[in-house]
Amino acid sequence: MKVQTELFSSIASRILHQTAMSFSGHQEVNSLLLMFYEFF
């Protein structure tokens, strides 16, 4: 189960990173993502 959770987290962070790159022009999205990464 732990490996499955880590795999899911890896995939989720990749998707988030892709989203961040496509919205890199928007400051609000960047700060939200920074808050999200700091939270975890």
N, C-alpha and C. Protein backbone atom coordinates (compact mmCIF):
# COMPACT_ATOMS: atom_id res chain seq x y z
N MET A 1 0.83 -1.21 0.00
CA MET A 1 0.00 0.00 0.00
C MET A 1 0.87 1.26 0.00
N LYS A 2 1.97 1.22 0.74
CA LYS A 2 2.81 2.42 0.82
C LYS A 2 3.41 2.76 -0.53
N VAL A 3 3.84 1.75 -1.26
CA VAL A 3 4.41 1.99 -2.59
C VAL A 3 3.35 2.60 -3.50
N GLN A 4 2.13 2.09 -3.41
CA GLN A 4 1.03 2.62 -4.22
C GLN A 4 0.80 4.10 -3.91
N THR A 5 0.83 4.45 -2.62
CA THR A 5 0.62 5.84 -2.22
C THR A 5 1.73 6.73 -2.75
N GLU A 6 2.97 6.26 -2.66
CA GLU A 6 4.10 7.06 -3.15
C GLU A 6 4.02 7.24 -4.66
N LEU A 7 3.59 6.18 -5.37
CA LEU A 7 3.43 6.28 -6.82
C LEU A 7 2.37 7.31 -7.17
N PHE A 8 1.25 7.25 -6.45
CA PHE A 8 0.17 8.21 -6.68
C PHE A 8 0.64 9.64 -6.43
N SER A 9 1.40 9.84 -5.35
CA SER A 9 1.92 11.17 -5.03
C SER A 9 2.84 11.66 -6.13
N SER A 10 3.66 10.76 -6.66
CA SER A 10 4.59 11.12 -7.73
C SER A 10 3.83 11.56 -8.97
N ILE A 11 2.81 10.79 -9.35
CA ILE A 11 2.00 11.13 -10.52
C ILE A 11 1.27 12.45 -10.29
N ALA A 12 0.70 12.62 -9.10
CA ALA A 12 -0.04 13.84 -8.79
C ALA A 12 0.87 15.06 -8.87
N SER A 13 2.09 14.94 -8.33
CA SER A 13 3.00 16.09 -8.36
C SER A 13 3.45 16.40 -9.79
N ARG A 14 3.57 15.38 -10.62
CA ARG A 14 3.92 15.62 -12.02
C ARG A 14 2.81 16.38 -12.73
N ILE A 15 1.57 15.96 -12.49
CA ILE A 15 0.42 16.64 -13.09
C ILE A 15 0.37 18.09 -12.62
N LEU A 16 0.60 18.30 -11.32
CA LEU A 16 0.61 19.65 -10.77
C LEU A 16 1.71 20.48 -11.42
N HIS A 17 2.87 19.87 -11.62
CA HIS A 17 3.99 20.60 -12.22
C HIS A 17 3.66 20.99 -13.66
N GLN A 18 3.04 20.08 -14.41
CA GLN A 18 2.63 20.38 -15.79
C GLN A 18 1.63 21.53 -15.79
N THR A 19 0.68 21.48 -14.86
CA THR A 19 -0.31 22.55 -14.76
C THR A 19 0.36 23.86 -14.43
N ALA A 20 1.33 23.81 -13.51
CA ALA A 20 2.05 25.02 -13.11
C ALA A 20 2.78 25.63 -14.31
N MET A 21 3.38 24.77 -15.13
CA MET A 21 4.12 25.26 -16.29
C MET A 21 3.18 25.93 -17.30
N SER A 22 2.00 25.35 -17.50
CA SER A 22 1.08 25.91 -18.48
C SER A 22 0.42 27.19 -17.97
N PHE A 23 0.39 27.37 -16.64
CA PHE A 23 -0.19 28.59 -16.07
C PHE A 23 0.88 29.51 -15.48
N SER A 24 2.13 29.32 -15.94
CA SER A 24 3.25 30.05 -15.33
C SER A 24 3.10 31.57 -15.41
N GLY A 25 2.26 32.04 -16.32
CA GLY A 25 2.06 33.48 -16.44
C GLY A 25 1.18 34.06 -15.34
N HIS A 26 0.42 33.21 -14.67
CA HIS A 26 -0.54 33.67 -13.67
C HIS A 26 0.06 33.59 -12.27
N GLN A 27 0.20 34.74 -11.64
CA GLN A 27 0.86 34.80 -10.34
C GLN A 27 0.04 34.08 -9.26
N GLU A 28 -1.28 34.18 -9.32
CA GLU A 28 -2.13 33.55 -8.30
C GLU A 28 -1.93 32.05 -8.28
N VAL A 29 -1.88 31.44 -9.46
CA VAL A 29 -1.70 29.99 -9.53
C VAL A 29 -0.35 29.60 -8.96
N ASN A 30 0.67 30.38 -9.26
CA ASN A 30 2.01 30.08 -8.76
C ASN A 30 2.04 30.12 -7.23
N SER A 31 1.44 31.14 -6.63
CA SER A 31 1.47 31.24 -5.17
C SER A 31 0.64 30.13 -4.53
N LEU A 32 -0.48 29.75 -5.18
CA LEU A 32 -1.27 28.63 -4.66
C LEU A 32 -0.47 27.34 -4.68
N LEU A 33 0.27 27.12 -5.78
CA LEU A 33 1.09 25.92 -5.87
C LEU A 33 2.22 25.94 -4.85
N LEU A 34 2.81 27.10 -4.62
CA LEU A 34 3.86 27.20 -3.60
C LEU A 34 3.29 26.86 -2.23
N MET A 35 2.10 27.37 -1.93
CA MET A 35 1.45 27.06 -0.65
C MET A 35 1.19 25.56 -0.56
N PHE A 36 0.75 24.96 -1.67
CA PHE A 36 0.45 23.53 -1.68
C PHE A 36 1.71 22.71 -1.41
N TYR A 37 2.83 23.08 -2.09
CA TYR A 37 4.07 22.33 -1.89
C TYR A 37 4.59 22.50 -0.46
N GLU A 38 4.45 23.70 0.11
CA GLU A 38 4.90 23.92 1.48
C GLU A 38 4.04 23.13 2.46
N PHE A 39 2.75 23.02 2.15
CA PHE A 39 1.84 22.29 3.04
C PHE A 39 2.24 20.82 3.16
N PHE A 40 2.64 20.22 2.04
CA PHE A 40 3.08 18.84 2.06
C PHE A 40 4.58 18.77 2.26
